[in-house]
N, C-alpha and C. Protein backbone atom coordinates (compact mmCIF):
# COMPACT_ATOMS: atom_id res chain seq x y z
N UNK A 1 -24.00 19.01 18.95
CA UNK A 1 -22.41 19.08 19.56
C UNK A 1 -21.31 19.34 20.88
N UNK A 2 -20.19 18.79 20.88
CA UNK A 2 -20.08 18.24 22.11
C UNK A 2 -20.10 19.49 23.04
N UNK A 3 -20.20 19.29 24.33
CA UNK A 3 -20.32 20.24 25.66
C UNK A 3 -19.16 20.46 26.42
N UNK A 4 -18.44 19.21 26.45
CA UNK A 4 -17.19 19.06 27.40
C UNK A 4 -16.36 20.74 26.86
N UNK A 5 -14.89 20.52 27.24
CA UNK A 5 -13.97 21.38 26.83
C UNK A 5 -12.88 21.08 26.04
N UNK A 6 -12.66 19.81 25.80
CA UNK A 6 -12.66 18.95 24.74
C UNK A 6 -12.98 18.89 23.51
N UNK A 7 -11.43 19.95 22.83
CA UNK A 7 -11.63 20.09 21.42
C UNK A 7 -12.28 18.79 20.32
N UNK A 8 -12.78 18.85 19.42
CA UNK A 8 -13.14 18.40 18.72
C UNK A 8 -12.30 17.46 17.65
N UNK A 9 -12.17 16.71 17.50
CA UNK A 9 -10.83 15.87 16.74
C UNK A 9 -11.56 15.24 15.04
N UNK A 10 -11.23 15.31 13.84
CA UNK A 10 -12.37 14.74 12.91
C UNK A 10 -10.59 14.81 12.42
N UNK A 11 -11.20 12.98 11.67
CA UNK A 11 -9.84 12.73 10.74
C UNK A 11 -10.69 11.74 9.68
N UNK A 12 -10.08 11.98 8.33
CA UNK A 12 -10.41 11.84 7.28
C UNK A 12 -9.88 9.70 6.96
N UNK A 13 -10.56 9.17 6.96
CA UNK A 13 -10.50 7.76 6.15
C UNK A 13 -9.44 7.52 5.34
N UNK A 14 -9.17 6.84 5.57
CA UNK A 14 -7.76 6.46 3.91
C UNK A 14 -7.57 4.67 4.17
N UNK A 15 -8.03 4.12 5.00
CA UNK A 15 -7.80 2.29 4.85
C UNK A 15 -8.96 1.76 5.38
N UNK A 16 -9.70 1.14 5.02
CA UNK A 16 -10.56 1.10 6.19
C UNK A 16 -10.48 -1.13 5.82
N UNK A 17 -10.42 -2.16 6.21
CA UNK A 17 -11.12 -3.32 6.56
C UNK A 17 -12.25 -3.70 5.92
N UNK A 18 -13.10 -2.89 7.00
CA UNK A 18 -14.30 -3.34 6.36
C UNK A 18 -14.85 -2.38 6.37
N UNK A 19 -15.62 -2.27 4.55
CA UNK A 19 -16.07 -0.57 4.44
C UNK A 19 -17.49 -0.70 4.55
N UNK A 20 -17.82 -1.44 5.47
CA UNK A 20 -19.47 -1.38 6.51
C UNK A 20 -19.31 -0.54 7.48
N UNK A 21 -18.45 -0.34 8.59
CA UNK A 21 -17.83 -0.29 9.49
C UNK A 21 -17.19 1.78 9.21
N UNK A 22 -16.05 1.47 8.26
CA UNK A 22 -14.92 2.76 8.08
C UNK A 22 -15.48 2.44 6.57
N UNK A 23 -15.28 4.55 5.95
CA UNK A 23 -15.87 4.85 4.60
C UNK A 23 -15.01 5.67 4.13
N UNK A 24 -13.27 4.58 3.45
CA UNK A 24 -12.37 5.34 2.75
C UNK A 24 -12.83 7.06 2.21
N UNK A 25 -12.21 7.98 2.69
CA UNK A 25 -12.78 9.23 2.20
C UNK A 25 -14.03 10.21 3.04
N UNK A 26 -13.81 9.45 3.97
CA UNK A 26 -15.35 9.79 4.52
C UNK A 26 -14.80 10.36 6.20
N UNK A 27 -14.92 11.48 6.63
CA UNK A 27 -14.93 12.14 7.63
C UNK A 27 -15.75 11.88 8.90
N UNK A 28 -15.06 10.86 9.97
CA UNK A 28 -15.40 10.67 11.47
C UNK A 28 -14.51 11.50 12.19
N UNK A 29 -15.48 11.44 13.68
CA UNK A 29 -14.93 11.98 15.22
C UNK A 29 -13.99 11.39 15.61
N UNK A 30 -12.99 11.67 15.90
CA UNK A 30 -11.92 11.39 17.10
C UNK A 30 -12.80 11.48 18.33
N UNK A 31 -12.88 10.22 19.30
CA UNK A 31 -13.05 10.94 20.70
C UNK A 31 -11.31 10.66 21.56
N UNK A 32 -11.42 10.80 22.62
CA UNK A 32 -9.84 11.32 23.39
C UNK A 32 -9.53 9.87 23.34
N UNK A 33 -8.46 9.13 24.12
CA UNK A 33 -8.05 8.29 24.59
C UNK A 33 -7.01 8.19 24.65
N UNK A 34 -6.32 8.23 25.97
CA UNK A 34 -5.13 8.31 26.16
C UNK A 34 -4.22 6.97 26.19
N UNK A 35 -5.11 5.87 26.38
CA UNK A 35 -5.27 4.15 26.51
C UNK A 35 -5.20 3.99 24.75
N UNK A 36 -5.33 4.07 24.14
CA UNK A 36 -5.70 3.84 23.18
C UNK A 36 -4.29 3.97 22.21
N UNK A 37 -4.50 5.23 22.06
CA UNK A 37 -3.19 6.30 21.62
C UNK A 37 -1.64 5.94 22.55
N UNK A 38 -1.24 4.99 23.52
CA UNK A 38 0.32 4.20 23.36
C UNK A 38 0.12 2.90 22.28
N UNK A 39 -1.41 2.71 22.10
CA UNK A 39 -0.72 2.16 21.00
C UNK A 39 -0.97 1.41 20.23
N UNK A 40 -0.84 2.91 19.56
CA UNK A 40 -1.25 3.64 18.18
C UNK A 40 -2.94 2.94 17.27
N UNK A 41 -3.49 3.62 18.46
CA UNK A 41 -5.29 3.72 17.85
C UNK A 41 -5.36 4.67 18.64
N UNK A 42 -6.76 5.06 18.06
CA UNK A 42 -7.79 6.03 18.18
C UNK A 42 -9.07 5.53 17.88
N UNK A 43 -9.52 6.37 18.86
CA UNK A 43 -11.61 5.36 19.50
C UNK A 43 -12.05 6.58 18.10
N UNK A 44 -13.01 6.12 18.00
CA UNK A 44 -13.65 6.33 16.19
C UNK A 44 -15.44 6.56 16.51
N UNK A 45 -16.26 7.47 16.18
CA UNK A 45 -17.21 7.65 15.74
C UNK A 45 -17.78 6.66 14.77
N UNK A 46 -18.22 5.16 14.70
CA UNK A 46 -18.64 4.72 12.52
C UNK A 46 -19.52 4.29 12.75
N UNK A 47 -19.53 4.31 11.46
CA UNK A 47 -20.73 4.02 10.28
C UNK A 47 -21.92 3.40 11.15
N UNK A 48 -21.56 2.37 12.15
CA UNK A 48 -22.90 1.52 13.29
C UNK A 48 -23.18 3.00 13.69
N UNK A 49 -22.67 3.96 14.28
CA UNK A 49 -22.77 4.72 15.24
C UNK A 49 -21.67 4.80 16.53
N UNK A 50 -21.40 3.82 16.82
CA UNK A 50 -20.37 3.03 18.51
C UNK A 50 -19.06 3.78 18.19
N UNK A 51 -18.71 4.10 19.01
CA UNK A 51 -17.13 4.12 18.41
C UNK A 51 -16.81 3.05 19.80
N UNK A 52 -15.70 3.19 19.05
CA UNK A 52 -15.00 1.54 18.01
C UNK A 52 -13.37 1.67 18.71
N UNK A 53 -12.22 1.41 18.82
CA UNK A 53 -10.61 1.60 18.28
C UNK A 53 -10.63 0.45 16.99
N UNK A 54 -9.75 1.65 15.89
CA UNK A 54 -8.94 1.67 15.28
C UNK A 54 -7.73 1.87 14.60
N UNK A 55 -7.13 1.44 14.26
CA UNK A 55 -5.10 1.55 13.87
C UNK A 55 -5.23 2.84 13.39
N UNK A 56 -4.60 3.92 14.21
CA UNK A 56 -4.05 5.85 13.71
C UNK A 56 -3.76 5.42 12.05
N UNK A 57 -2.90 4.94 11.76
CA UNK A 57 -2.79 4.63 10.17
C UNK A 57 -4.48 4.96 9.43
N UNK A 58 -4.92 4.63 9.83
CA UNK A 58 -6.64 4.25 8.62
C UNK A 58 -6.74 5.70 8.88
N UNK A 59 -6.06 7.04 9.65
CA UNK A 59 -6.29 7.79 8.68
C UNK A 59 -5.53 9.28 8.87
N UNK A 60 -6.38 10.21 7.93
CA UNK A 60 -5.27 11.77 8.10
C UNK A 60 -6.25 12.20 8.73
N UNK A 61 -5.06 12.62 9.85
CA UNK A 61 -5.67 14.10 10.92
C UNK A 61 -5.47 15.49 9.67
N UNK A 62 -6.97 16.03 10.28
CA UNK A 62 -6.94 17.68 9.89
C UNK A 62 -7.38 17.98 10.69
N UNK A 63 -6.69 20.16 10.72
CA UNK A 63 -8.04 20.69 11.62
C UNK A 63 -7.94 21.52 10.24
N UNK A 64 -9.37 21.34 10.48
CA UNK A 64 -10.30 21.83 9.47
C UNK A 64 -10.61 23.69 10.28
N UNK A 65 -10.80 24.49 9.62
CA UNK A 65 -11.02 26.14 10.16
C UNK A 65 -12.56 25.88 10.86
N UNK A 66 -12.50 26.97 11.88
CA UNK A 66 -13.73 26.21 12.58
C UNK A 66 -14.90 26.41 11.79
N UNK A 67 -15.64 27.11 11.19
CA UNK A 67 -16.58 27.21 9.59
C UNK A 67 -16.89 25.84 9.28
N UNK A 68 -15.52 25.43 9.00
CA UNK A 68 -15.91 24.05 8.38
C UNK A 68 -16.19 22.86 9.01
N UNK A 69 -15.95 23.28 10.49
CA UNK A 69 -16.21 21.85 11.54
C UNK A 69 -17.29 22.46 11.58
N UNK A 70 -17.57 23.55 12.28
CA UNK A 70 -19.34 23.66 12.67
C UNK A 70 -20.43 23.11 11.10
N UNK A 71 -19.63 23.51 10.05
CA UNK A 71 -20.58 22.90 9.51
C UNK A 71 -20.70 21.29 9.10
N UNK A 72 -20.07 20.93 9.13
CA UNK A 72 -19.38 19.55 9.83
C UNK A 72 -21.24 18.83 10.31
N UNK A 73 -20.42 19.17 11.52
CA UNK A 73 -21.41 18.79 12.56
C UNK A 73 -22.63 18.88 12.31
N UNK A 74 -22.96 20.06 11.06
CA UNK A 74 -24.54 19.90 11.17
C UNK A 74 -24.60 19.40 10.58
N UNK A 75 -24.27 18.83 9.69
CA UNK A 75 -24.40 17.66 7.83
C UNK A 75 -25.06 16.85 8.92
N UNK A 76 -25.81 15.90 8.05
CA UNK A 76 -26.32 14.55 8.69
C UNK A 76 -24.98 13.59 8.12
N UNK A 77 -24.76 12.62 9.36
CA UNK A 77 -23.23 11.79 8.92
C UNK A 77 -23.61 10.70 8.11
N UNK A 78 -24.90 10.09 8.10
CA UNK A 78 -25.90 9.18 7.44
C UNK A 78 -27.04 9.65 6.50
N UNK A 79 -26.82 9.74 5.08
CA UNK A 79 -28.02 9.75 4.80
C UNK A 79 -28.90 8.98 4.42
N UNK A 80 -30.93 8.49 4.77
CA UNK A 80 -31.17 7.16 3.96
C UNK A 80 -31.45 7.52 2.85
N UNK A 81 -30.75 6.60 1.84
CA UNK A 81 -31.17 7.15 0.88
C UNK A 81 -32.17 5.89 0.18
N UNK A 82 -33.99 6.66 -0.39
CA UNK A 82 -34.48 5.03 -0.08
C UNK A 82 -34.55 4.19 -1.54
N UNK A 83 -34.42 2.88 -2.39
CA UNK A 83 -33.65 2.51 -3.62
C UNK A 83 -34.66 2.84 -4.69
N UNK A 84 -34.07 2.78 -5.46
CA UNK A 84 -34.63 3.12 -6.66
C UNK A 84 -35.68 2.42 -7.36
N UNK A 85 -36.83 2.91 -7.50
CA UNK A 85 -37.54 1.97 -8.96
C UNK A 85 -37.05 1.81 -9.81
N UNK A 86 -38.06 -0.24 -9.71
CA UNK A 86 -37.18 -0.90 -11.12
C UNK A 86 -38.54 -0.48 -12.15
N UNK A 87 -37.07 -0.72 -13.45
CA UNK A 87 -37.99 -0.12 -14.85
C UNK A 87 -38.41 -0.48 -15.87
N UNK A 88 -38.61 -2.04 -14.68
CA UNK A 88 -39.33 -3.40 -15.55
C UNK A 88 -40.92 -3.47 -15.26
């Protein structure tokens, strides 16, 4: 969890030019960046765990109830799935 006094912001991706970096329908953490906001961009922790600027129009900003937000913070953002065994 974040320890800063800035409230955690979350958004749902609704568009992506690169699904390896942003996955539509996935929830992302938005970091504060006033400079990015001036150019209609947001700083996002993407699928690679890096913060990067993306167009704000790629996201639907949602205010989740505290209980849901806390649950989302406890849930791993990416799960490693073992490949399925071949049936040959």
